[in-house]
Amino acid sequence: MHLHWLDLQCKYVLIWSIHRILVFLGFVATAILIQNTMKRNTILALLFLTCATLQAQESAKKGFNLGVLPAISYNSDEGFQYGAVLNLFNYGNGTLYPKYDQSYYLELSKYTKGSTVLRFYFDSDQLLKGVRTFLDLSYITEDMLDFFGYNGYQSDYSATMEGSNRALYKMNQKQLRFLADFKGNLPVKHLFWEASYNLVNYVNRAVDYSKLNNNVNLPVLTPGESLYEKYVGWNILSAKESDGGLVSAFKAGLLYDTRNALNNPDKGFSSEALIEVAPGFMNESPYARYSLMHKQFQSLIMNRLNLAVKLGVQGKIGKDEIPFYRRTVFMSPFATRTSPTGLGGANSLRGIMRNRVVGDAFALGNVELRWKVLNFRLINQNFYIGLNGFFDTGYILDPIDWDLSNLTPTEKTNYFNLEKKDSFHSSLGGGLKVAMNQNFIISFELGKPLNESDGSKMGTYINLNYLF
């Protein structure tokens, strides 16, 4: 590995600066784009002119390249996040660039009120000849994990009630996990087999108010019974699943993949069919479920504008109930996002509250236009700045059968809309991207739900990589 200390420091300062500037530019750009059509057209014209005059020829990368990003953010419930993300890529001799031989990802971050992310993953098609290997070892704690109940709009969301108890729709969860995903070739061109093993221990609790309010300026969290605790008291969450448990699950499937790149391809598609089984002899709460996902990519303007579409369904198989803490986890292997939860939030329906859409089976769709505005070289690295606009939507295909016999009429009125049928949960938004060597991508996105029952505020997401 040939890395120079000065070069690393320059890259660190550059990427850190871009990360902080993106936050400011995102809000400025959003305000500008709300203005009249003439101003928008002027901005687009200037961007096209910039692209025409500042193009740079991208060269293939060789050997090791390191991306370093400080993990810095803030929210009133968890406090300041501090730590670092390191992503080391090995491009080998460069002949397959932008594909890489190995990727090593390390995230160490903590929130001042207790939430923690300790994660390492390794991604390579060189460890086992002809097999892509993805290994993930993580410890994640969430002091304020979202819990909005089941069956979408049939579980009422009240911003007013949340205002009096900001932890009403929250719970505490800790998970220690090991993931091992593998993919290999089959005799048919572009067809692959997939196999996975997941070992995850979940520990669920009510929100710890004393911890969150310790040494915190006003407003503090006012203690009160959360919806999670109510579900436990109503026996909607059974004693067997409410406190968590150990999941030992196997996945197997087929993937047909013609994409020309792993990150932001402009050609091809991938179609994936998966079955996950948590057998009874290894699990206290056995279950089986399936997933069908299709991703399509099309270049509209070569090397500039791409259309990306993702469509999928996921649901249970048989009569065994999936534990509630597993229902909100996507089955997709090779998950580079730290918390692959859905539906709602950064990993599925941007702008919609996380875990808002929970059922025994659901469908989702994501449509994006991705524009590479500017390519340039800096510090001997290939960069591009991009913009993306998106439409996300989700729908519950099979609602959860719940027993509400333990509720009083007042409780049913205050927390449920049982006569209301669920419908599409949709959002619109856009974002900025800064990519180094096409694989280390800093992302800033804003999303707005189209129905206030999915959230009354704009969702803001600063993370790595495209959604898919």
Protein backbone atom coordinates (compact mmCIF):
# COMPACT_ATOMS: atom_id res chain seq x y z
CA MET A 1 0.00 0.00 0.00
CA HIS A 2 1.56 3.27 -1.11
CA LEU A 3 -0.08 6.15 0.76
CA HIS A 4 1.62 9.41 1.67
CA TRP A 5 0.75 11.23 4.90
CA LEU A 6 0.47 14.63 3.22
CA ASP A 7 -1.77 13.24 0.50
CA LEU A 8 -4.06 11.71 3.13
CA GLN A 9 -4.29 14.98 5.02
CA CYS A 10 -5.20 16.89 1.86
CA LYS A 11 -7.92 14.37 1.04
CA TYR A 12 -9.25 14.53 4.59
CA VAL A 13 -9.44 18.33 4.59
CA LEU A 14 -11.02 18.40 1.12
CA ILE A 15 -13.73 15.86 1.87
CA TRP A 16 -14.46 17.34 5.29
CA SER A 17 -14.85 20.78 3.71
CA ILE A 18 -17.15 19.44 1.00
CA HIS A 19 -19.25 17.65 3.63
CA ARG A 20 -19.80 20.82 5.67
CA ILE A 21 -20.31 23.09 2.64
CA LEU A 22 -22.91 20.66 1.24
CA VAL A 23 -25.19 21.29 4.20
CA PHE A 24 -25.17 25.02 3.50
CA LEU A 25 -25.41 24.66 -0.28
CA GLY A 26 -28.31 22.24 0.02
CA PHE A 27 -30.51 24.72 1.84
CA VAL A 28 -29.42 27.58 -0.40
CA ALA A 29 -30.16 25.54 -3.51
CA THR A 30 -33.56 24.53 -2.15
CA ALA A 31 -34.49 28.16 -1.50
CA ILE A 32 -33.33 29.23 -4.94
CA LEU A 33 -35.23 26.48 -6.73
CA ILE A 34 -38.46 27.58 -5.10
CA GLN A 35 -38.17 30.95 -6.86
CA ASN A 36 -39.80 31.77 -10.21
CA THR A 37 -39.20 29.87 -13.44
CA MET A 38 -36.94 32.55 -14.90
CA LYS A 39 -34.48 32.19 -12.04
CA ARG A 40 -34.52 28.42 -12.31
CA ASN A 41 -33.82 28.58 -16.04
CA THR A 42 -30.97 31.02 -15.42
CA ILE A 43 -29.42 28.63 -12.90
CA LEU A 44 -29.74 25.68 -15.29
CA ALA A 45 -28.16 27.69 -18.10
CA LEU A 46 -25.21 28.62 -15.90
CA LEU A 47 -24.75 25.02 -14.84
CA PHE A 48 -24.77 23.82 -18.45
CA LEU A 49 -22.20 26.51 -19.31
CA THR A 50 -20.04 25.43 -16.40
CA CYS A 51 -20.20 21.80 -17.53
CA ALA A 52 -19.20 22.78 -21.06
CA THR A 53 -16.15 24.75 -19.96
CA LEU A 54 -14.84 22.75 -16.99
CA GLN A 55 -14.85 19.15 -18.22
CA ALA A 56 -11.98 16.93 -17.15
CA GLN A 57 -10.90 13.60 -18.55
CA GLU A 58 -11.31 10.86 -15.96
CA SER A 59 -8.42 8.46 -15.62
CA ALA A 60 -8.46 4.92 -14.23
CA LYS A 61 -7.35 4.46 -10.64
CA LYS A 62 -4.86 1.86 -9.47
CA GLY A 63 -3.94 0.48 -6.10
CA PHE A 64 -5.32 1.72 -2.80
CA ASN A 65 -7.38 4.89 -2.34
CA LEU A 66 -8.68 6.08 1.01
CA GLY A 67 -11.78 8.20 1.67
CA VAL A 68 -12.04 9.78 5.12
CA LEU A 69 -15.18 11.49 6.40
CA PRO A 70 -15.80 12.85 9.90
CA ALA A 71 -19.15 11.69 11.27
CA ILE A 72 -20.59 14.99 12.46
CA SER A 73 -24.29 15.74 12.84
CA TYR A 74 -26.83 16.90 15.40
CA ASN A 75 -30.42 16.24 16.40
CA SER A 76 -32.24 17.31 19.53
CA ASP A 77 -33.12 13.78 20.65
CA GLU A 78 -29.69 12.15 20.34
CA GLY A 79 -27.39 15.18 20.55
CA PHE A 80 -24.14 15.63 18.62
CA GLN A 81 -22.70 12.78 16.59
CA TYR A 82 -18.94 12.56 16.51
CA GLY A 83 -16.58 10.01 15.04
CA ALA A 84 -15.22 9.00 11.67
CA VAL A 85 -15.93 6.96 8.56
CA LEU A 86 -13.05 5.42 6.63
CA ASN A 87 -13.51 3.66 3.29
CA LEU A 88 -10.46 2.07 1.70
CA PHE A 89 -10.71 0.86 -1.92
CA ASN A 90 -8.23 -1.35 -3.75
CA TYR A 91 -8.53 -0.95 -7.55
CA GLY A 92 -5.74 -3.42 -8.31
CA ASN A 93 -4.12 -2.74 -11.67
CA GLY A 94 -6.98 -0.42 -12.68
CA THR A 95 -8.21 -2.45 -15.64
CA LEU A 96 -11.70 -2.89 -14.10
CA TYR A 97 -12.08 0.69 -12.80
CA PRO A 98 -14.52 1.93 -11.46
CA LYS A 99 -15.02 -1.61 -10.12
CA TYR A 100 -12.73 -2.43 -7.21
CA ASP A 101 -11.00 -5.56 -5.93
CA GLN A 102 -11.69 -4.86 -2.26
CA SER A 103 -13.52 -2.32 -0.14
CA TYR A 104 -12.87 -1.93 3.60
CA TYR A 105 -15.35 0.23 5.52
CA LEU A 106 -15.01 1.29 9.14
CA GLU A 107 -17.42 3.53 11.05
CA LEU A 108 -16.91 4.58 14.65
CA SER A 109 -19.40 7.16 15.87
CA LYS A 110 -21.35 8.09 18.96
CA TYR A 111 -24.12 10.47 19.96
CA THR A 112 -23.74 12.53 23.12
CA LYS A 113 -26.98 11.05 24.52
CA GLY A 114 -25.87 7.46 24.05
CA SER A 115 -26.59 6.13 20.56
CA THR A 116 -23.64 4.27 19.08
CA VAL A 117 -22.54 2.87 15.72
CA LEU A 118 -19.55 0.53 15.59
CA ARG A 119 -19.34 -1.08 12.16
CA PHE A 120 -16.84 -2.83 9.93
CA TYR A 121 -17.56 -4.45 6.59
CA PHE A 122 -15.44 -6.05 3.90
CA ASP A 123 -16.58 -6.31 0.27
CA SER A 124 -14.54 -8.20 -2.33
CA ASP A 125 -14.68 -10.63 -5.23
CA GLN A 126 -11.06 -11.66 -4.66
CA LEU A 127 -11.24 -13.42 -1.28
CA LEU A 128 -12.95 -16.46 -2.83
CA LYS A 129 -12.22 -16.90 -6.51
CA GLY A 130 -15.30 -16.08 -8.56
CA VAL A 131 -17.42 -15.28 -5.47
CA ARG A 132 -18.31 -11.83 -4.15
CA THR A 133 -17.96 -11.85 -0.37
CA PHE A 134 -19.52 -9.33 1.99
CA LEU A 135 -18.82 -9.60 5.73
CA ASP A 136 -20.37 -7.21 8.26
CA LEU A 137 -19.77 -7.01 12.01
CA SER A 138 -21.69 -4.25 13.80
CA TYR A 139 -22.89 -3.08 17.18
CA ILE A 140 -25.67 -0.50 16.96
CA THR A 141 -27.68 1.16 19.70
CA GLU A 142 -30.70 3.40 19.13
CA ASP A 143 -32.02 5.40 22.06
CA MET A 144 -34.84 6.89 19.94
CA LEU A 145 -35.83 4.28 17.35
CA ASP A 146 -39.07 5.11 15.53
CA PHE A 147 -42.14 2.95 16.24
CA PHE A 148 -45.45 4.09 14.68
CA GLY A 149 -47.37 0.84 14.92
CA TYR A 150 -48.77 -1.38 12.18
CA ASN A 151 -50.71 -1.11 8.94
CA GLY A 152 -49.83 2.40 7.83
CA TYR A 153 -52.65 4.94 8.02
CA GLN A 154 -54.75 2.63 10.21
CA SER A 155 -52.31 3.52 13.00
CA ASP A 156 -52.99 7.17 13.69
CA TYR A 157 -50.08 9.61 13.82
CA SER A 158 -50.65 12.75 15.89
CA ALA A 159 -48.11 15.56 15.72
CA THR A 160 -50.00 17.20 18.62
CA MET A 161 -49.62 14.19 20.90
CA GLU A 162 -45.97 13.87 19.88
CA GLY A 163 -45.47 17.51 20.81
CA SER A 164 -46.45 16.79 24.42
CA ASN A 165 -44.37 13.61 24.54
CA ARG A 166 -41.54 13.59 21.98
CA ALA A 167 -40.80 9.96 22.80
CA LEU A 168 -44.36 8.78 22.17
CA TYR A 169 -43.35 7.13 18.89
CA LYS A 170 -39.92 6.00 20.06
CA MET A 171 -38.29 2.98 21.66
CA ASN A 172 -34.82 1.77 22.64
CA GLN A 173 -33.06 -0.96 20.70
CA LYS A 174 -29.61 -2.52 20.71
CA GLN A 175 -28.40 -4.97 18.12
CA LEU A 176 -25.23 -6.97 17.73
CA ARG A 177 -25.00 -8.55 14.30
CA PHE A 178 -22.87 -10.61 11.99
CA LEU A 179 -23.78 -10.78 8.30
CA ALA A 180 -22.15 -12.97 5.68
CA ASP A 181 -23.31 -12.58 2.07
CA PHE A 182 -22.00 -14.45 -0.96
CA LYS A 183 -22.65 -14.24 -4.70
CA GLY A 184 -21.29 -16.47 -7.46
CA ASN A 185 -21.64 -17.09 -11.18
CA LEU A 186 -23.98 -19.58 -12.82
CA PRO A 187 -23.57 -21.05 -16.34
CA VAL A 188 -26.06 -18.53 -17.78
CA LYS A 189 -24.49 -15.14 -18.57
CA HIS A 190 -25.39 -12.41 -16.02
CA LEU A 191 -27.13 -14.97 -13.75
CA PHE A 192 -25.81 -15.38 -10.20
CA TRP A 193 -26.62 -17.41 -7.11
CA GLU A 194 -26.82 -15.68 -3.71
CA ALA A 195 -26.51 -17.08 -0.20
CA SER A 196 -26.47 -15.33 3.18
CA TYR A 197 -26.32 -16.00 6.87
CA ASN A 198 -27.56 -13.44 9.42
CA LEU A 199 -26.92 -13.74 13.15
CA VAL A 200 -28.46 -10.78 14.99
CA ASN A 201 -29.27 -10.29 18.65
CA TYR A 202 -31.94 -7.65 19.35
CA VAL A 203 -32.60 -6.11 22.76
CA ASN A 204 -35.73 -3.90 22.93
CA ARG A 205 -36.69 -1.58 25.77
CA ALA A 206 -38.77 1.51 26.47
CA VAL A 207 -37.06 4.88 26.11
CA ASP A 208 -34.67 5.67 28.98
CA TYR A 209 -35.82 9.19 29.88
CA SER A 210 -33.31 9.68 32.70
CA LYS A 211 -30.41 8.93 30.36
CA LEU A 212 -31.66 11.21 27.59
CA ASN A 213 -32.39 14.09 29.96
CA ASN A 214 -29.08 13.85 31.81
CA ASN A 215 -27.16 17.12 31.54
CA VAL A 216 -29.36 18.37 28.72
CA ASN A 217 -30.61 21.91 28.21
CA LEU A 218 -34.36 22.49 27.89
CA PRO A 219 -36.62 21.32 26.41
CA VAL A 220 -36.24 17.99 28.15
CA LEU A 221 -38.16 14.85 27.27
CA THR A 222 -41.27 14.60 29.44
CA PRO A 223 -41.73 11.01 30.66
CA GLY A 224 -44.83 9.26 29.38
CA GLU A 225 -45.97 5.90 28.08
CA SER A 226 -44.81 5.30 24.53
CA LEU A 227 -46.76 3.59 21.77
CA TYR A 228 -44.31 0.67 22.00
CA GLU A 229 -45.20 0.24 25.69
CA LYS A 230 -48.89 0.49 24.87
CA TYR A 231 -48.54 -2.24 22.22
CA VAL A 232 -46.92 -4.44 24.87
CA GLY A 233 -49.70 -3.68 27.36
CA TRP A 234 -52.39 -4.36 24.75
CA ASN A 235 -50.61 -7.65 23.89
CA ILE A 236 -50.31 -6.63 20.25
CA LEU A 237 -46.62 -7.24 20.84
CA SER A 238 -46.37 -10.63 22.51
CA ALA A 239 -44.10 -11.29 25.46
CA LYS A 240 -41.98 -13.53 23.24
CA GLU A 241 -41.04 -10.72 20.87
CA SER A 242 -41.40 -7.46 22.81
CA ASP A 243 -38.00 -7.67 24.54
CA GLY A 244 -36.16 -8.82 21.42
CA GLY A 245 -34.39 -12.06 20.68
CA LEU A 246 -31.74 -13.86 18.68
CA VAL A 247 -32.29 -14.25 14.94
CA SER A 248 -30.37 -16.93 13.08
CA ALA A 249 -31.52 -16.79 9.46
CA PHE A 250 -30.44 -18.12 6.08
CA LYS A 251 -31.11 -16.50 2.72
CA ALA A 252 -30.86 -17.97 -0.76
CA GLY A 253 -31.77 -16.53 -4.13
CA LEU A 254 -31.04 -15.72 -7.73
CA LEU A 255 -29.84 -12.47 -9.26
CA TYR A 256 -29.83 -11.47 -12.92
CA ASP A 257 -27.52 -8.47 -13.22
CA THR A 258 -26.42 -6.59 -16.35
CA ARG A 259 -25.38 -3.28 -14.67
CA ASN A 260 -22.14 -1.72 -15.91
CA ALA A 261 -21.16 -0.43 -12.41
CA LEU A 262 -22.04 -1.06 -8.77
CA ASN A 263 -22.56 2.62 -7.89
CA ASN A 264 -24.73 4.81 -10.13
CA PRO A 265 -24.68 2.65 -13.29
CA ASP A 266 -26.00 4.20 -16.49
CA LYS A 267 -26.80 0.94 -18.26
CA GLY A 268 -28.44 -2.39 -17.45
CA PHE A 269 -30.70 -3.80 -14.75
CA SER A 270 -30.74 -6.22 -11.85
CA SER A 271 -33.60 -8.52 -10.84
CA GLU A 272 -33.38 -10.39 -7.55
CA ALA A 273 -35.52 -13.11 -5.95
CA LEU A 274 -34.78 -14.10 -2.33
CA ILE A 275 -36.16 -16.40 0.34
CA GLU A 276 -35.18 -16.02 4.00
CA VAL A 277 -35.76 -18.78 6.54
CA ALA A 278 -35.24 -18.62 10.31
CA PRO A 279 -35.69 -22.32 11.21
CA GLY A 280 -37.47 -23.42 14.38
CA PHE A 281 -34.57 -25.48 15.72
CA MET A 282 -32.40 -22.31 15.79
CA ASN A 283 -34.95 -19.61 16.64
CA GLU A 284 -37.52 -19.00 19.37
CA SER A 285 -39.61 -17.13 16.79
CA PRO A 286 -39.21 -19.01 13.49
CA TYR A 287 -40.43 -17.45 10.25
CA ALA A 288 -40.02 -17.40 6.49
CA ARG A 289 -40.34 -14.53 4.02
CA TYR A 290 -39.60 -13.58 0.40
CA SER A 291 -38.36 -10.58 -1.56
CA LEU A 292 -38.55 -9.62 -5.25
CA MET A 293 -36.59 -6.53 -6.31
CA HIS A 294 -35.95 -5.02 -9.74
CA LYS A 295 -33.59 -2.10 -10.48
CA GLN A 296 -33.41 -0.52 -13.94
CA PHE A 297 -30.85 2.03 -15.16
CA GLN A 298 -30.87 3.97 -18.41
CA SER A 299 -28.62 6.71 -19.75
CA LEU A 300 -30.66 9.62 -21.15
CA ILE A 301 -27.66 11.81 -21.98
CA MET A 302 -24.38 9.87 -22.20
CA ASN A 303 -22.17 10.37 -19.11
CA ARG A 304 -24.51 13.13 -17.90
CA LEU A 305 -28.13 12.20 -17.15
CA ASN A 306 -29.39 8.81 -15.95
CA LEU A 307 -32.80 7.39 -15.06
CA ALA A 308 -32.83 4.93 -12.16
CA VAL A 309 -35.90 2.92 -11.10
CA LYS A 310 -36.37 0.44 -8.26
CA LEU A 311 -39.51 -1.67 -7.79
CA GLY A 312 -40.04 -4.42 -5.27
CA VAL A 313 -42.20 -6.45 -2.92
CA GLN A 314 -41.41 -8.19 0.36
CA GLY A 315 -43.63 -10.36 2.54
CA LYS A 316 -44.00 -13.36 4.80
CA ILE A 317 -44.43 -17.00 3.80
CA GLY A 318 -46.67 -19.34 5.77
CA LYS A 319 -48.45 -18.82 9.08
CA ASP A 320 -45.50 -18.11 11.38
CA GLU A 321 -45.43 -14.48 12.49
CA ILE A 322 -42.30 -12.47 11.78
CA PRO A 323 -41.02 -10.77 14.98
CA PHE A 324 -41.83 -7.05 14.87
CA TYR A 325 -38.15 -6.07 15.14
CA ARG A 326 -37.44 -8.10 11.99
CA ARG A 327 -40.43 -6.93 9.93
CA THR A 328 -38.81 -3.54 9.34
CA VAL A 329 -35.52 -4.94 8.02
CA PHE A 330 -34.98 -5.23 4.27
CA MET A 331 -33.89 -8.66 3.09
CA SER A 332 -31.45 -7.33 0.49
CA PRO A 333 -27.91 -8.67 0.96
CA PHE A 334 -24.74 -6.62 0.45
CA ALA A 335 -26.30 -3.72 2.42
CA THR A 336 -23.81 -0.85 2.51
CA ARG A 337 -26.22 1.31 4.55
CA THR A 338 -25.74 0.91 8.30
CA SER A 339 -29.44 0.34 9.13
CA PRO A 340 -31.38 -1.21 6.21
CA THR A 341 -34.79 -0.46 7.71
CA GLY A 342 -38.05 0.30 5.95
CA LEU A 343 -40.50 1.45 4.89
CA GLY A 344 -39.86 5.12 5.53
CA GLY A 345 -36.69 7.08 6.05
CA ALA A 346 -33.27 7.35 4.43
CA ASN A 347 -33.14 3.77 3.13
CA SER A 348 -36.50 3.52 1.37
CA LEU A 349 -39.03 6.38 1.39
CA ARG A 350 -37.09 9.60 1.91
CA GLY A 351 -39.09 12.27 3.74
CA ILE A 352 -41.53 9.76 5.21
CA MET A 353 -41.00 8.91 8.86
CA ARG A 354 -38.84 5.87 9.44
CA ASN A 355 -40.75 2.61 9.96
CA ARG A 356 -44.06 4.36 9.23
CA VAL A 357 -45.25 1.62 6.83
CA VAL A 358 -45.25 -1.82 8.48
CA GLY A 359 -47.22 -4.84 7.26
CA ASP A 360 -46.86 -8.54 6.54
CA ALA A 361 -46.20 -7.67 2.89
CA PHE A 362 -45.42 -4.38 1.17
CA ALA A 363 -44.48 -2.93 -2.19
CA LEU A 364 -42.17 0.01 -2.85
CA GLY A 365 -41.01 2.11 -5.77
CA ASN A 366 -38.20 4.64 -6.20
CA VAL A 367 -37.68 6.75 -9.32
CA GLU A 368 -34.63 9.01 -9.69
CA LEU A 369 -33.14 11.33 -12.29
CA ARG A 370 -29.38 11.56 -11.73
CA TRP A 371 -27.40 14.35 -13.36
CA LYS A 372 -23.60 14.55 -13.32
CA VAL A 373 -23.23 18.32 -13.39
CA LEU A 374 -19.45 18.64 -13.25
CA ASN A 375 -16.42 16.34 -13.58
CA PHE A 376 -12.97 17.42 -12.42
CA ARG A 377 -9.66 16.11 -11.11
CA LEU A 378 -8.15 17.24 -7.84
CA ILE A 379 -5.28 15.83 -5.76
CA ASN A 380 -4.87 13.19 -8.46
CA GLN A 381 -8.42 11.91 -7.83
CA ASN A 382 -11.49 11.79 -10.10
CA PHE A 383 -14.45 13.79 -8.78
CA TYR A 384 -17.93 14.62 -9.97
CA ILE A 385 -20.69 16.79 -8.54
CA GLY A 386 -24.21 15.55 -9.18
CA LEU A 387 -27.84 16.46 -8.62
CA ASN A 388 -30.74 14.03 -8.27
CA GLY A 389 -34.49 14.37 -8.08
CA PHE A 390 -36.67 11.51 -6.79
CA PHE A 391 -40.17 10.18 -6.21
CA ASP A 392 -40.58 7.44 -3.57
CA THR A 393 -43.72 5.46 -2.77
CA GLY A 394 -44.76 2.45 -0.68
CA TYR A 395 -47.92 0.42 -0.14
CA ILE A 396 -48.98 -2.32 2.30
CA LEU A 397 -50.10 -5.36 0.33
CA ASP A 398 -50.96 -7.56 3.31
CA PRO A 399 -51.85 -5.84 6.62
CA ILE A 400 -50.95 -7.45 9.91
CA ASP A 401 -53.76 -9.29 11.68
CA TRP A 402 -53.91 -7.68 15.10
CA ASP A 403 -56.10 -8.42 18.10
CA LEU A 404 -57.45 -5.14 19.52
CA SER A 405 -59.79 -6.73 22.05
CA ASN A 406 -57.74 -5.42 24.99
CA LEU A 407 -58.26 -1.78 23.99
CA THR A 408 -60.93 0.53 25.35
CA PRO A 409 -63.12 2.45 22.85
CA THR A 410 -61.24 5.64 23.75
CA GLU A 411 -57.87 4.01 23.03
CA LYS A 412 -59.09 2.78 19.67
CA THR A 413 -60.27 6.29 18.82
CA ASN A 414 -57.06 8.00 19.97
CA TYR A 415 -54.53 5.65 18.39
CA PHE A 416 -56.22 3.98 15.41
CA ASN A 417 -58.15 4.78 12.22
CA LEU A 418 -59.64 1.33 11.73
CA GLU A 419 -62.22 2.45 9.19
CA LYS A 420 -59.59 4.10 7.04
CA LYS A 421 -58.03 1.99 4.31
CA ASP A 422 -54.32 2.30 3.80
CA SER A 423 -53.10 3.89 0.57
CA PHE A 424 -49.84 4.90 -1.06
CA HIS A 425 -47.22 6.57 1.13
CA SER A 426 -45.35 8.90 -1.24
CA SER A 427 -42.70 11.62 -1.14
CA LEU A 428 -40.82 13.97 -3.46
CA GLY A 429 -37.34 15.41 -3.11
CA GLY A 430 -33.87 15.98 -4.44
CA GLY A 431 -30.24 16.09 -3.48
CA LEU A 432 -26.59 16.84 -4.12
CA LYS A 433 -23.79 14.30 -4.60
CA VAL A 434 -20.02 14.60 -4.48
CA ALA A 435 -18.28 11.44 -5.72
CA MET A 436 -14.60 10.53 -5.57
CA ASN A 437 -13.48 7.85 -8.02
CA GLN A 438 -17.18 6.97 -8.55
CA ASN A 439 -17.35 4.81 -5.42
CA PHE A 440 -16.87 7.16 -2.43
CA ILE A 441 -20.04 9.28 -2.64
CA ILE A 442 -21.15 11.95 -0.19
CA SER A 443 -24.90 12.44 -0.37
CA PHE A 444 -27.16 15.28 0.82
CA GLU A 445 -30.91 14.85 0.21
CA LEU A 446 -34.18 16.54 1.17
CA GLY A 447 -37.53 14.72 0.99
CA LYS A 448 -41.09 15.89 1.63
CA PRO A 449 -44.01 13.51 2.29
CA LEU A 450 -47.15 14.15 0.25
CA ASN A 451 -49.41 13.25 3.20
CA GLU A 452 -48.95 14.87 6.63
CA SER A 453 -49.87 11.55 8.27
CA ASP A 454 -46.43 10.39 7.07
CA GLY A 455 -44.69 13.37 8.65
CA SER A 456 -45.20 17.11 8.78
CA LYS A 457 -41.54 18.11 8.32
CA MET A 458 -38.98 17.96 5.55
CA GLY A 459 -36.67 14.96 5.87
CA THR A 460 -32.94 15.75 5.71
CA TYR A 461 -30.34 13.06 5.01
CA ILE A 462 -26.56 13.40 4.97
CA ASN A 463 -24.87 10.07 4.35
CA LEU A 464 -22.88 8.04 1.83
CA ASN A 465 -23.84 6.55 -1.54
CA TYR A 466 -26.98 6.62 -3.67
CA LEU A 467 -30.13 4.98 -2.34
CA PHE A 468 -29.69 2.12 -4.85
